[in-house]
Protein backbone atom coordinates (compact mmCIF):
# COMPACT_ATOMS: atom_id res chain seq x y z
CA THR A 1 -0.13 0.20 -0.06
CA ASN A 2 1.32 3.38 -0.93
CA TYR A 3 0.72 6.55 1.60
CA LYS A 4 1.14 9.93 0.58
CA ILE A 5 3.54 12.07 2.10
CA MET A 6 1.51 14.58 4.40
CA ASN A 7 2.80 17.42 6.77
CA LYS A 8 0.97 16.05 9.45
CA LYS A 9 -0.52 12.37 9.34
CA PHE A 10 -2.71 10.17 11.72
CA ILE A 11 -2.71 6.73 10.41
CA TRP A 12 -4.71 4.07 11.90
CA GLY A 13 -4.90 0.49 10.53
CA ILE A 14 -7.44 -2.33 11.74
CA THR A 15 -7.25 -5.74 10.20
CA LEU A 16 -9.48 -8.94 10.64
CA LEU A 17 -7.05 -11.58 12.46
CA GLY A 18 -4.59 -8.42 11.98
CA ALA A 19 -3.64 -5.23 13.46
CA LEU A 20 -5.13 -1.53 13.95
CA SER A 21 -2.25 1.39 14.02
CA PHE A 22 -2.39 4.79 14.94
CA TYR A 23 0.15 7.19 14.48
CA SER A 24 0.21 11.42 14.99
CA CYS A 25 2.86 13.77 16.04
CA SER A 26 3.46 17.34 16.01
CA ASN A 27 5.92 19.08 13.14
CA GLU A 28 8.26 16.26 13.83
CA THR A 29 8.49 13.66 11.07
CA VAL A 30 7.20 10.02 12.05
CA ILE A 31 8.37 7.08 10.01
CA ASP A 32 5.74 4.28 9.67
CA SER A 33 7.71 1.20 10.76
CA GLU A 34 5.62 -1.21 8.46
CA THR A 35 5.71 0.80 5.36
CA GLY A 36 8.88 2.60 6.06
CA GLN A 37 7.58 5.89 4.63
CA GLU A 38 7.33 9.53 5.92
CA VAL A 39 3.89 10.56 7.53
CA GLY A 40 2.90 13.69 9.85
CA ASN A 41 -0.14 15.09 11.32
CA ASN A 42 -3.01 17.00 10.63
CA GLU A 43 -5.37 13.89 8.66
CA GLN A 44 -6.06 10.53 10.20
CA ILE A 45 -6.02 8.00 7.78
CA LEU A 46 -7.95 4.47 8.74
CA SER A 47 -5.96 1.25 7.19
CA LEU A 48 -8.15 -2.10 7.06
CA THR A 49 -6.85 -4.88 6.05
CA ILE A 50 -9.32 -8.12 6.36
CA LEU A 51 -7.95 -11.33 5.78
CA ASN A 52 -10.21 -12.75 3.01
CA SER A 53 -9.54 -16.16 1.39
CA GLY A 54 -11.76 -18.83 -0.17
CA ASN A 55 -12.27 -21.06 -2.92
CA GLY A 56 -15.98 -20.11 -3.52
CA LEU A 57 -17.95 -22.53 -1.65
CA THR A 58 -20.71 -20.42 -0.45
CA SER A 59 -24.05 -20.75 -0.28
CA ARG A 60 -27.30 -18.75 0.48
CA ALA A 61 -26.34 -16.60 4.02
CA GLY A 62 -21.70 -17.24 3.97
CA ARG A 63 -20.22 -20.22 3.03
CA PRO A 64 -21.08 -23.77 4.53
CA MET A 65 -18.94 -25.59 6.87
CA TYR A 66 -16.75 -28.36 4.99
CA GLY A 67 -13.32 -28.55 7.16
CA THR A 68 -11.41 -26.66 9.47
CA GLU A 69 -9.54 -24.48 7.00
CA ALA A 70 -9.08 -20.86 8.13
CA LYS A 71 -10.95 -18.74 5.88
CA GLN A 72 -14.03 -16.78 5.77
CA THR A 73 -16.46 -14.83 2.57
CA ILE A 74 -17.79 -11.66 4.67
CA ASN A 75 -18.42 -9.06 1.76
CA LYS A 76 -19.72 -6.15 3.98
CA VAL A 77 -17.53 -4.41 6.95
CA ARG A 78 -18.64 -1.92 9.28
CA LEU A 79 -16.71 0.30 11.45
CA TRP A 80 -17.70 2.89 14.37
CA ILE A 81 -16.21 4.84 16.80
CA CYS A 82 -17.42 5.32 20.22
CA ASP A 83 -16.45 7.93 22.88
CA SER A 84 -16.43 7.28 26.57
CA ASN A 85 -20.36 7.92 26.97
CA ASN A 86 -20.82 5.17 24.36
CA LYS A 87 -22.21 8.07 21.87
CA VAL A 88 -20.99 7.17 18.33
CA VAL A 89 -18.77 9.61 16.82
CA TYR A 90 -17.46 8.33 13.76
CA ILE A 91 -18.75 5.21 11.16
CA LYS A 92 -16.94 3.92 8.13
CA ASP A 93 -18.78 1.04 5.66
CA TYR A 94 -17.82 -0.72 3.00
CA SER A 95 -20.72 -1.98 1.05
CA ASP A 96 -18.46 -4.18 -1.17
CA TRP A 97 -15.51 -5.06 0.40
CA GLN A 98 -14.33 -7.03 -2.67
CA SER A 99 -14.31 -4.53 -4.98
CA ASP A 100 -13.39 -1.21 -2.81
CA SER A 101 -10.37 -2.96 -1.70
CA GLU A 102 -7.10 -4.30 -2.54
CA SER A 103 -5.38 -6.99 -2.22
CA TYR A 104 -2.92 -7.28 0.79
CA GLU A 105 -1.05 -10.28 1.25
CA ASN A 106 -2.97 -12.67 2.22
CA GLY A 107 -6.48 -10.78 2.25
CA ARG A 108 -7.69 -7.13 1.23
CA MET A 109 -6.73 -3.84 2.59
CA ALA A 110 -8.36 -0.14 1.70
CA ASN A 111 -6.96 3.16 2.70
CA PHE A 112 -9.67 6.03 4.21
CA ILE A 113 -9.23 9.25 5.59
CA LEU A 114 -10.51 10.67 9.12
CA ASP A 115 -12.53 14.08 8.46
CA ASN A 116 -13.18 14.43 11.96
CA ARG A 117 -9.70 13.83 13.80
CA LEU A 118 -10.32 12.26 17.36
CA THR A 119 -9.61 14.27 20.51
CA ALA A 120 -8.01 13.09 23.65
CA GLY A 121 -9.75 10.88 25.91
CA SER A 122 -11.47 7.74 26.37
CA TYR A 123 -13.05 5.54 23.09
CA THR A 124 -13.60 2.14 22.14
CA VAL A 125 -13.49 0.93 18.42
CA TYR A 126 -15.94 -1.54 17.10
CA ALA A 127 -15.95 -3.57 13.70
CA ILE A 128 -18.11 -6.44 11.80
CA GLY A 129 -17.61 -8.57 9.15
CA TYR A 130 -20.14 -9.98 7.62
CA ASP A 131 -22.59 -11.59 4.60
CA SER A 132 -24.68 -9.39 2.52
CA ASN A 133 -27.25 -12.30 2.97
CA SER A 134 -26.91 -13.01 6.66
CA ASP A 135 -29.45 -14.58 8.29
CA TYR A 136 -28.65 -12.36 11.61
CA ASP A 137 -30.66 -9.21 12.32
CA LEU A 138 -27.86 -6.93 12.34
CA THR A 139 -29.98 -3.90 12.30
CA ALA A 140 -28.07 -2.59 16.03
CA PHE A 141 -25.18 -2.26 14.27
CA THR A 142 -26.10 -1.15 10.83
CA GLY A 143 -28.72 0.84 11.77
CA LEU A 144 -25.83 3.09 14.15
CA THR A 145 -25.69 6.90 12.84
CA ILE A 146 -23.40 9.57 14.13
CA GLU A 147 -24.57 10.79 17.55
CA SER A 148 -26.32 7.61 18.18
CA THR A 149 -25.90 5.71 21.46
CA TYR A 150 -24.33 2.06 20.86
CA SER A 151 -25.18 -0.30 23.64
CA PRO A 152 -22.46 -2.85 24.68
CA ASN A 153 -22.77 -6.34 24.60
CA THR A 154 -25.63 -6.22 22.21
CA ILE A 155 -27.63 -9.34 21.86
CA ILE A 156 -28.43 -10.56 18.10
CA ALA A 157 -30.81 -13.10 16.64
CA LYS A 158 -31.99 -14.84 13.48
CA LYS A 159 -33.86 -12.66 11.11
CA SER A 160 -37.60 -13.55 11.38
CA GLY A 161 -38.89 -15.95 9.20
CA SER A 162 -34.92 -17.32 9.18
CA SER A 163 -34.90 -21.14 8.00
CA MET A 164 -31.22 -20.86 9.68
CA ALA A 165 -31.07 -23.81 11.65
CA HIS A 166 -27.95 -23.51 13.71
CA GLY A 167 -25.05 -20.64 13.20
CA GLU A 168 -23.74 -18.65 10.54
CA GLU A 169 -20.01 -17.33 10.24
CA PHE A 170 -19.93 -14.14 11.98
CA PHE A 171 -16.71 -11.90 12.76
CA ALA A 172 -16.19 -8.99 15.15
CA GLY A 173 -14.27 -7.52 17.64
CA SER A 174 -13.20 -4.27 19.81
CA LEU A 175 -10.70 -1.91 21.01
CA PRO A 176 -10.09 -0.11 24.38
CA LEU A 177 -8.55 3.54 23.17
CA ASN A 178 -7.49 6.22 25.66
CA LEU A 179 -6.20 8.96 23.96
CA SER A 180 -3.53 11.35 25.99
CA ASP A 181 -1.90 14.75 24.62
CA SER A 182 1.04 12.63 24.89
CA ASP A 183 -0.31 10.06 22.31
CA ILE A 184 -1.55 12.04 20.06
CA ARG A 185 1.51 14.09 19.95
CA LYS A 186 4.14 11.14 19.35
CA GLY A 187 1.65 8.31 17.87
CA PHE A 188 1.35 4.75 18.73
CA LYS A 189 0.84 1.46 17.19
CA LYS A 190 -2.59 -0.67 18.73
CA GLU A 191 -4.13 -3.81 17.77
CA VAL A 192 -7.75 -5.19 16.94
CA VAL A 193 -8.75 -8.47 15.97
CA LEU A 194 -12.22 -9.45 14.81
CA ASN A 195 -12.55 -13.35 15.74
CA ARG A 196 -15.21 -15.65 14.70
CA GLN A 197 -18.10 -15.39 16.78
CA VAL A 198 -19.29 -19.03 16.57
CA ALA A 199 -18.27 -22.28 16.63
CA GLY A 200 -18.21 -25.53 14.66
CA ALA A 201 -18.71 -28.68 14.59
CA TYR A 202 -18.17 -31.45 12.18
CA ILE A 203 -18.49 -35.39 11.41
CA TYR A 204 -15.85 -37.15 8.59
CA VAL A 205 -16.00 -40.84 9.16
CA ASN A 206 -15.39 -44.02 7.08
CA GLU A 207 -15.67 -47.77 7.42
CA ILE A 208 -19.17 -47.35 8.88
CA PRO A 209 -21.28 -50.80 10.59
CA TYR A 210 -23.68 -52.28 8.44
CA MET A 211 -25.65 -53.22 10.96
CA SER A 212 -27.74 -56.04 9.05
CA GLY A 213 -28.58 -53.37 6.67
CA SER A 214 -30.27 -51.26 9.02
CA SER A 215 -28.05 -48.40 8.98
CA ARG A 216 -29.66 -45.45 7.34
CA TYR A 217 -28.49 -42.39 9.57
CA ILE A 218 -25.30 -40.86 11.11
CA ARG A 219 -26.48 -37.81 13.37
CA LEU A 220 -24.31 -35.66 16.12
CA VAL A 221 -26.19 -34.60 18.87
CA ALA A 222 -25.50 -31.85 21.87
CA SER A 223 -26.81 -31.45 25.27
CA ALA A 224 -27.76 -27.77 24.63
CA LYS A 225 -28.67 -24.88 21.98
CA ASN A 226 -28.46 -21.32 21.81
CA GLU A 227 -30.92 -19.15 19.97
CA LYS A 228 -28.93 -15.59 19.84
CA LEU A 229 -25.27 -14.32 19.83
CA VAL A 230 -24.05 -11.82 22.23
CA PHE A 231 -21.54 -9.25 20.96
CA GLY A 232 -19.24 -8.73 23.61
CA ASN A 233 -15.95 -9.82 25.55
CA PHE A 234 -13.86 -10.21 22.65
CA ALA A 235 -10.60 -12.03 22.51
CA ASN A 236 -7.96 -9.23 21.41
CA ILE A 237 -5.79 -12.38 20.03
CA ASP A 238 -3.66 -12.17 16.46
CA ILE A 239 -3.47 -15.78 15.95
CA ALA A 240 -0.51 -16.46 13.77
CA SER A 241 -1.37 -20.22 12.57
CA ASN A 242 -5.08 -22.10 12.11
CA GLY A 243 -5.12 -23.55 15.73
CA GLY A 244 -2.07 -22.04 16.59
CA ALA A 245 -3.56 -19.93 20.03
CA GLY A 246 -1.60 -22.45 22.48
CA THR A 247 -1.88 -20.90 26.35
CA ALA A 248 -2.99 -17.75 24.74
CA ALA A 249 -6.69 -19.87 23.72
CA LYS A 250 -9.87 -17.83 25.24
CA PHE A 251 -12.58 -20.08 26.28
CA VAL A 252 -15.80 -18.21 25.75
CA VAL A 253 -19.50 -18.54 25.74
CA ASN A 254 -21.23 -15.75 23.94
CA GLY A 255 -24.74 -17.90 22.92
CA THR A 256 -27.72 -16.85 24.73
CA SER A 257 -31.45 -17.38 25.03
CA PRO A 258 -31.52 -21.28 25.59
CA ALA A 259 -33.40 -23.31 23.09
CA THR A 260 -36.01 -26.46 24.04
CA LEU A 261 -34.51 -29.34 23.12
CA THR A 262 -36.51 -32.42 21.63
CA GLY A 263 -35.63 -35.24 23.52
CA ASN A 264 -33.32 -33.37 25.64
CA GLU A 265 -30.47 -33.24 22.23
CA TYR A 266 -29.81 -31.18 20.22
CA GLU A 267 -29.43 -32.49 16.41
CA ILE A 268 -26.41 -30.35 15.01
CA CYS A 269 -26.41 -32.83 11.95
CA LYS A 270 -27.58 -35.80 10.60
CA ILE A 271 -26.07 -37.78 7.25
CA ASP A 272 -28.33 -39.44 5.34
CA LEU A 273 -26.23 -42.74 4.35
CA GLN A 274 -28.36 -43.28 1.05
CA ASN A 275 -27.00 -39.85 -0.14
CA TRP A 276 -23.30 -41.14 0.16
CA PHE A 277 -23.99 -45.09 -0.74
CA TYR A 278 -25.74 -46.55 -3.76
CA SER A 279 -26.71 -49.09 -1.91
CA ILE A 280 -26.47 -50.03 1.82
CA SER A 281 -24.45 -53.28 1.48
CA ASP A 282 -21.97 -55.62 2.67
CA GLU A 283 -21.11 -57.90 0.51
CA ASN A 284 -17.81 -59.38 2.00
CA ASN A 285 -19.33 -59.88 4.85
CA ASP A 286 -16.85 -57.63 7.20
CA GLY A 287 -19.97 -55.84 8.87
CA LEU A 288 -18.81 -52.45 7.28
CA ILE A 289 -20.84 -50.91 4.60
CA ASP A 290 -19.76 -51.57 1.11
CA ALA A 291 -17.63 -48.54 -0.85
CA THR A 292 -17.09 -51.17 -4.09
CA VAL A 293 -19.88 -54.23 -4.93
CA THR A 294 -19.24 -57.11 -7.31
CA THR A 295 -22.94 -56.93 -8.22
CA ASP A 296 -24.72 -53.83 -9.52
CA PRO A 297 -26.96 -52.41 -7.26
CA SER A 298 -30.19 -50.84 -8.35
CA GLY A 299 -29.14 -46.85 -9.81
CA CYS A 300 -25.15 -47.82 -9.48
CA GLN A 301 -23.67 -46.91 -13.02
CA TYR A 302 -20.78 -49.07 -13.31
CA SER A 303 -19.88 -52.05 -15.51
CA GLY A 304 -17.57 -55.11 -14.67
CA LEU A 305 -16.16 -56.98 -11.54
CA GLN A 306 -15.70 -53.64 -9.77
CA GLY A 307 -18.25 -51.45 -9.07
CA ASN A 308 -18.26 -48.02 -6.96
CA ASN A 309 -20.93 -47.84 -4.44
CA TRP A 310 -20.13 -44.54 -2.93
CA LYS A 311 -21.01 -41.20 -4.08
CA ASN A 312 -20.33 -37.03 -3.09
CA PRO A 313 -23.60 -35.73 -2.90
CA TYR A 314 -21.87 -32.53 -3.07
CA LYS A 315 -20.41 -32.55 -6.55
CA PRO A 316 -22.51 -30.43 -9.24
CA THR A 317 -24.00 -32.00 -12.21
CA ASP A 318 -21.25 -30.05 -14.40
CA PRO A 319 -19.02 -32.48 -15.35
CA ASN A 320 -15.99 -29.48 -16.18
CA SER A 321 -16.77 -28.41 -12.40
CA THR A 322 -14.19 -28.23 -10.21
CA ASP A 323 -15.01 -25.76 -7.60
CA TYR A 324 -16.77 -27.72 -4.74
CA PRO A 325 -15.45 -29.85 -1.37
CA THR A 326 -13.95 -33.60 -2.40
CA PHE A 327 -13.97 -36.41 0.18
CA ARG A 328 -12.25 -39.82 0.35
CA ARG A 329 -13.85 -42.27 -1.34
CA GLY A 330 -16.38 -44.50 1.36
CA SER A 331 -16.56 -41.62 4.07
CA VAL A 332 -19.22 -39.09 5.18
CA PHE A 333 -19.18 -35.93 5.99
CA GLY A 334 -21.62 -33.29 8.08
CA GLY A 335 -20.59 -29.96 9.46
CA GLU A 336 -22.18 -26.72 10.79
CA PHE A 337 -21.63 -23.33 12.70
CA ILE A 338 -23.04 -23.15 15.39
CA ILE A 339 -23.98 -20.57 18.17
CA PRO A 340 -21.44 -21.42 21.28
CA PHE A 341 -23.38 -22.70 24.28
CA ALA A 342 -23.16 -23.86 27.75
CA LYS A 343 -22.43 -26.80 28.72
CA VAL A 344 -25.10 -28.92 30.96
CA ALA A 345 -23.21 -29.78 34.21
CA GLY A 346 -22.87 -33.63 34.58
CA GLU A 347 -24.34 -34.28 30.90
CA GLN A 348 -22.55 -35.48 28.48
CA THR A 349 -21.66 -33.20 25.80
CA LEU A 350 -21.66 -34.57 22.50
CA LYS A 351 -23.02 -37.80 21.32
CA LEU A 352 -22.31 -39.72 18.27
CA GLN A 353 -25.24 -42.45 16.71
CA LEU A 354 -25.52 -44.55 14.26
CA LEU A 355 -29.49 -44.90 13.16
CA ASP A 356 -32.08 -46.78 11.58
CA SER A 357 -34.71 -45.70 8.77
CA SER A 358 -37.00 -44.78 11.87
CA SER A 359 -34.61 -42.84 13.85
CA GLN A 360 -33.86 -45.62 16.62
CA GLU A 361 -30.40 -45.87 17.55
CA LEU A 362 -28.45 -48.77 16.69
CA LEU A 363 -25.17 -47.80 18.04
CA SER A 364 -23.85 -44.44 20.39
CA TRP A 365 -20.71 -43.27 21.32
CA ASN A 366 -19.95 -40.63 24.17
CA ILE A 367 -17.24 -37.86 22.07
CA ASN A 368 -15.16 -37.02 25.18
CA LEU A 369 -12.27 -34.30 25.11
CA SER A 370 -8.58 -36.28 26.23
CA SER A 371 -7.21 -35.97 29.38
CA THR A 372 -4.46 -33.84 28.09
CA ASP A 373 -6.68 -31.28 25.90
CA GLN A 374 -6.53 -27.77 27.11
CA GLN A 375 -10.43 -26.93 27.47
CA VAL A 376 -10.01 -29.58 30.14
CA GLY A 377 -9.99 -28.10 33.55
CA LYS A 378 -11.08 -24.57 32.17
CA THR A 379 -13.61 -22.15 33.76
CA VAL A 380 -15.27 -21.32 30.94
CA THR A 381 -16.76 -17.58 30.70
CA TYR A 382 -20.34 -17.69 29.81
CA TRP A 383 -23.04 -14.67 29.51
CA ASN A 384 -25.31 -15.26 32.24
CA ASN A 385 -28.86 -13.56 31.45
CA SER A 386 -27.44 -9.76 32.00
CA SER A 387 -23.64 -9.92 32.75
CA TRP A 388 -20.31 -12.09 32.00
CA GLY A 389 -19.72 -14.69 34.50
CA SER A 390 -17.72 -17.65 35.03
CA PHE A 391 -18.75 -21.35 35.83
CA THR A 392 -17.64 -22.65 39.44
CA SER A 393 -17.22 -25.66 37.92
CA LYS A 394 -14.47 -26.35 35.52
CA ASP A 395 -14.51 -28.28 32.01
CA ASP A 396 -14.07 -32.27 32.08
CA LYS A 397 -13.81 -34.62 29.19
CA ASN A 398 -17.61 -35.27 29.31
CA SER A 399 -19.06 -32.34 30.20
CA TYR A 400 -17.69 -29.39 28.13
CA SER A 401 -18.78 -25.95 26.81
CA LEU A 402 -18.85 -25.15 22.77
CA VAL A 403 -16.91 -22.18 22.87
CA ARG A 404 -16.48 -19.31 20.32
CA ASN A 405 -14.12 -19.51 17.92
CA HIS A 406 -13.23 -23.51 18.24
CA VAL A 407 -14.21 -26.26 15.92
CA TYR A 408 -14.85 -29.67 16.85
CA GLY A 409 -14.03 -32.49 14.38
CA ILE A 410 -14.40 -35.60 14.32
CA GLY A 411 -12.03 -37.10 11.87
CA ASN A 412 -9.02 -35.22 10.18
CA ARG A 413 -10.65 -32.19 7.59
CA THR A 414 -8.26 -28.99 7.12
CA MET A 415 -9.23 -28.50 3.95
CA ASP A 416 -12.81 -27.77 1.80
CA ASN A 417 -11.62 -28.93 -0.98
CA PRO A 418 -8.52 -31.54 -0.87
CA GLY A 419 -8.29 -32.57 -4.49
CA TRP A 420 -9.50 -36.08 -4.17
CA ASN A 421 -11.30 -37.65 -7.41
CA PRO A 422 -13.10 -40.06 -5.71
CA ASP A 423 -15.36 -40.47 -8.57
CA PRO A 424 -13.77 -42.04 -11.31
CA THR A 425 -14.76 -44.56 -14.36
CA ASP A 426 -14.45 -48.26 -13.47
CA PRO A 427 -11.49 -49.78 -14.21
CA ASP A 428 -12.37 -52.83 -14.97
CA THR A 429 -9.56 -55.72 -15.54
CA GLY A 430 -11.46 -57.39 -18.36
CA ASN A 431 -10.41 -60.53 -16.99
CA PRO A 432 -13.44 -61.98 -15.34
CA THR A 433 -11.16 -65.00 -13.41
CA ASP A 434 -9.02 -62.25 -11.96
CA PRO A 435 -8.67 -63.60 -8.21
CA LYS A 436 -8.14 -60.61 -6.61
CA PRO A 437 -10.84 -59.31 -4.58
CA PRO A 438 -12.46 -55.66 -5.30
CA VAL A 439 -10.98 -52.43 -4.11
CA ASP A 440 -12.08 -48.71 -4.02
CA PRO A 441 -11.07 -48.11 -7.79
CA ILE A 442 -8.67 -45.78 -8.57
CA ASP A 443 -8.75 -43.35 -11.12
CA PRO A 444 -5.50 -43.92 -13.05
CA THR A 445 -4.99 -40.62 -14.78
CA ASP A 446 -5.40 -38.73 -11.16
CA PRO A 447 -1.95 -40.00 -8.77
CA SER A 448 -4.04 -38.36 -5.44
CA ASP A 449 -7.01 -40.30 -5.92
CA PRO A 450 -6.75 -42.19 -2.74
CA ASP A 451 -7.31 -45.73 -1.93
CA PRO A 452 -7.51 -46.42 1.56
CA ASP A 453 -7.63 -50.25 1.04
CA LYS A 454 -3.76 -50.31 -0.02
CA PRO A 455 -2.23 -48.00 3.29
CA THR A 456 1.01 -50.15 3.75
CA ASP A 457 1.66 -52.36 0.33
CA PRO A 458 5.22 -53.00 0.42
CA ASP A 459 5.22 -52.67 -3.48
CA GLN A 460 4.57 -48.57 -3.30
CA ASP A 461 6.52 -45.90 -2.88
CA PRO A 462 5.44 -44.68 0.86
CA THR A 463 7.94 -41.41 0.30
CA ASN A 464 6.22 -40.18 -2.70
CA PRO A 465 3.10 -39.23 -2.21
CA THR A 466 1.80 -38.55 -6.44
CA ASP A 467 3.34 -41.76 -6.83
CA PRO A 468 0.18 -43.39 -8.93
CA GLU A 469 1.24 -47.03 -7.04
CA ASN A 470 0.61 -44.61 -3.91
CA PRO A 471 -2.08 -42.52 -4.31
CA ASN A 472 -2.82 -42.11 -0.49
CA PRO A 473 -3.86 -38.81 1.06
CA ASP A 474 -1.78 -36.86 3.45
CA PRO A 475 -3.66 -37.92 6.77
CA ASP A 476 -2.24 -34.14 8.31
CA VAL A 477 -4.93 -32.90 5.53
CA ASP A 478 -7.63 -35.26 4.72
CA ASP A 479 -8.26 -38.68 7.18
CA PRO A 480 -11.96 -39.80 7.87
CA GLU A 481 -12.03 -41.65 11.67
CA SER A 482 -13.44 -45.08 10.77
CA LEU A 483 -16.33 -46.61 13.15
CA ASP A 484 -14.94 -49.92 12.89
CA ASN A 485 -14.71 -51.24 16.64
CA LYS A 486 -13.09 -48.02 17.73
CA GLN A 487 -13.46 -47.30 21.67
CA TYR A 488 -12.55 -43.64 20.50
CA LEU A 489 -12.80 -40.78 18.04
CA ILE A 490 -10.21 -38.03 17.64
CA ILE A 491 -11.94 -34.22 17.63
CA LYS A 492 -9.90 -31.66 16.91
CA VAL A 493 -9.98 -27.85 17.23
CA ASN A 494 -8.61 -25.73 14.88
CA ASP A 495 -8.53 -22.15 12.56
CA ASN A 496 -7.38 -19.41 13.37
CA TRP A 497 -9.69 -21.03 14.84
CA GLU A 498 -7.79 -21.26 17.95
CA ILE A 499 -6.99 -24.50 19.22
CA ILE A 500 -6.90 -28.01 18.19
CA HIS A 501 -8.28 -30.42 21.43
CA ASP A 502 -7.91 -34.48 20.69
CA MET A 503 -11.16 -35.95 21.97
CA GLU A 504 -12.18 -39.76 22.78
CA LEU A 505 -14.63 -41.70 22.28
CA GLU A 506 -16.48 -44.51 24.44
């Protein structure tokens, strides 16, 4: 970004997952430490930078959740400044952030001049980043005008008539700003961070129990649910890497208005296995739903000895499209952004269930934090009707809150689109007497296509992930969790989500 050289400048910078920079001086020359350029005083310039990566995987209001990738797709930004009496003294809007900003490192950046300089005193800078089609009612923010009064800890709800069942990605933050005469003369640099205000949860599993053909749904349920978000108690943390907050991570439940639950369970997501498999079958009698079959089930499009029994329901009908989430063959996925909620003391927070066609439970697992997880033993902060408070009891491995800017995932899924091509044309050997058992077919033109049935073949080169004979994916990027006779599942919390949590299934 180029800054004009002026006699007197006051430069401000605010970044989503970035920094808010302030400069001021008298008649002295000041050098901007980031640009290396000379600035003065008189004018106040705000430089707004927002990390804005993404691959277009969007729907209605904001993006869907397909994993733990650090990204967002906001297109509107509003910033306002309040004095010590909560009176709004400055507002700046970007109605089309993508067009009104310029590329800057991993995000977008724009500069603008503050027409009215701030004098010495106490202020608070607020900012939000959101989608233009948001299902949240944001009028408490978008309706603000100069001289109006803003109420801290504003509660936002879904719009009337909204079909949003869970939550939606929304970024926000604030910074207390105390300007002294010395600050105005000498200049200074501060940071404000806009963090994700919702939690996330997903299921990414394979090797699903067949249960005599009765298996139909996989469901993730919770012990509590909130309907509204509280805009406050922000964590002013600039997270350097996805999931890298470490000991600086915050554990805040900024949700409120508990919902009435059906059957004492909050259904976060319910996966219909018929959307992922052409048939619920177990030809090899291993007790698991087949990803490939030797006989042609109704609706399965293939010929020959080996047949793909698995399908990606997110794959578009356009054969030329590559902009969609991909998954390992034989896996299933479901995920949602969630308004954070507080634990119910003494109750299991998350459970995974395998259901039949009438939604009767066939199998169930408790999903626990591991004993070494960073959230275990923490005292969570939460909104207690009219103020912020803390639980008297600490979170444990069974009973824990789903907190802001943490994602809780079963299986490893760090990219929305790892690039697998798990829908190949059947590579028929042409030999009807070939004694080899059927395996998940591999696309011979795509060396990245994974073959989960041959993870340790000694004839493959384990050091070369692009070797056509070794098409296994990087487990650090994309690795569904097996449900076959396992006593635990791994759940990790990640972002520039804040932490990675290991969780156990029992």
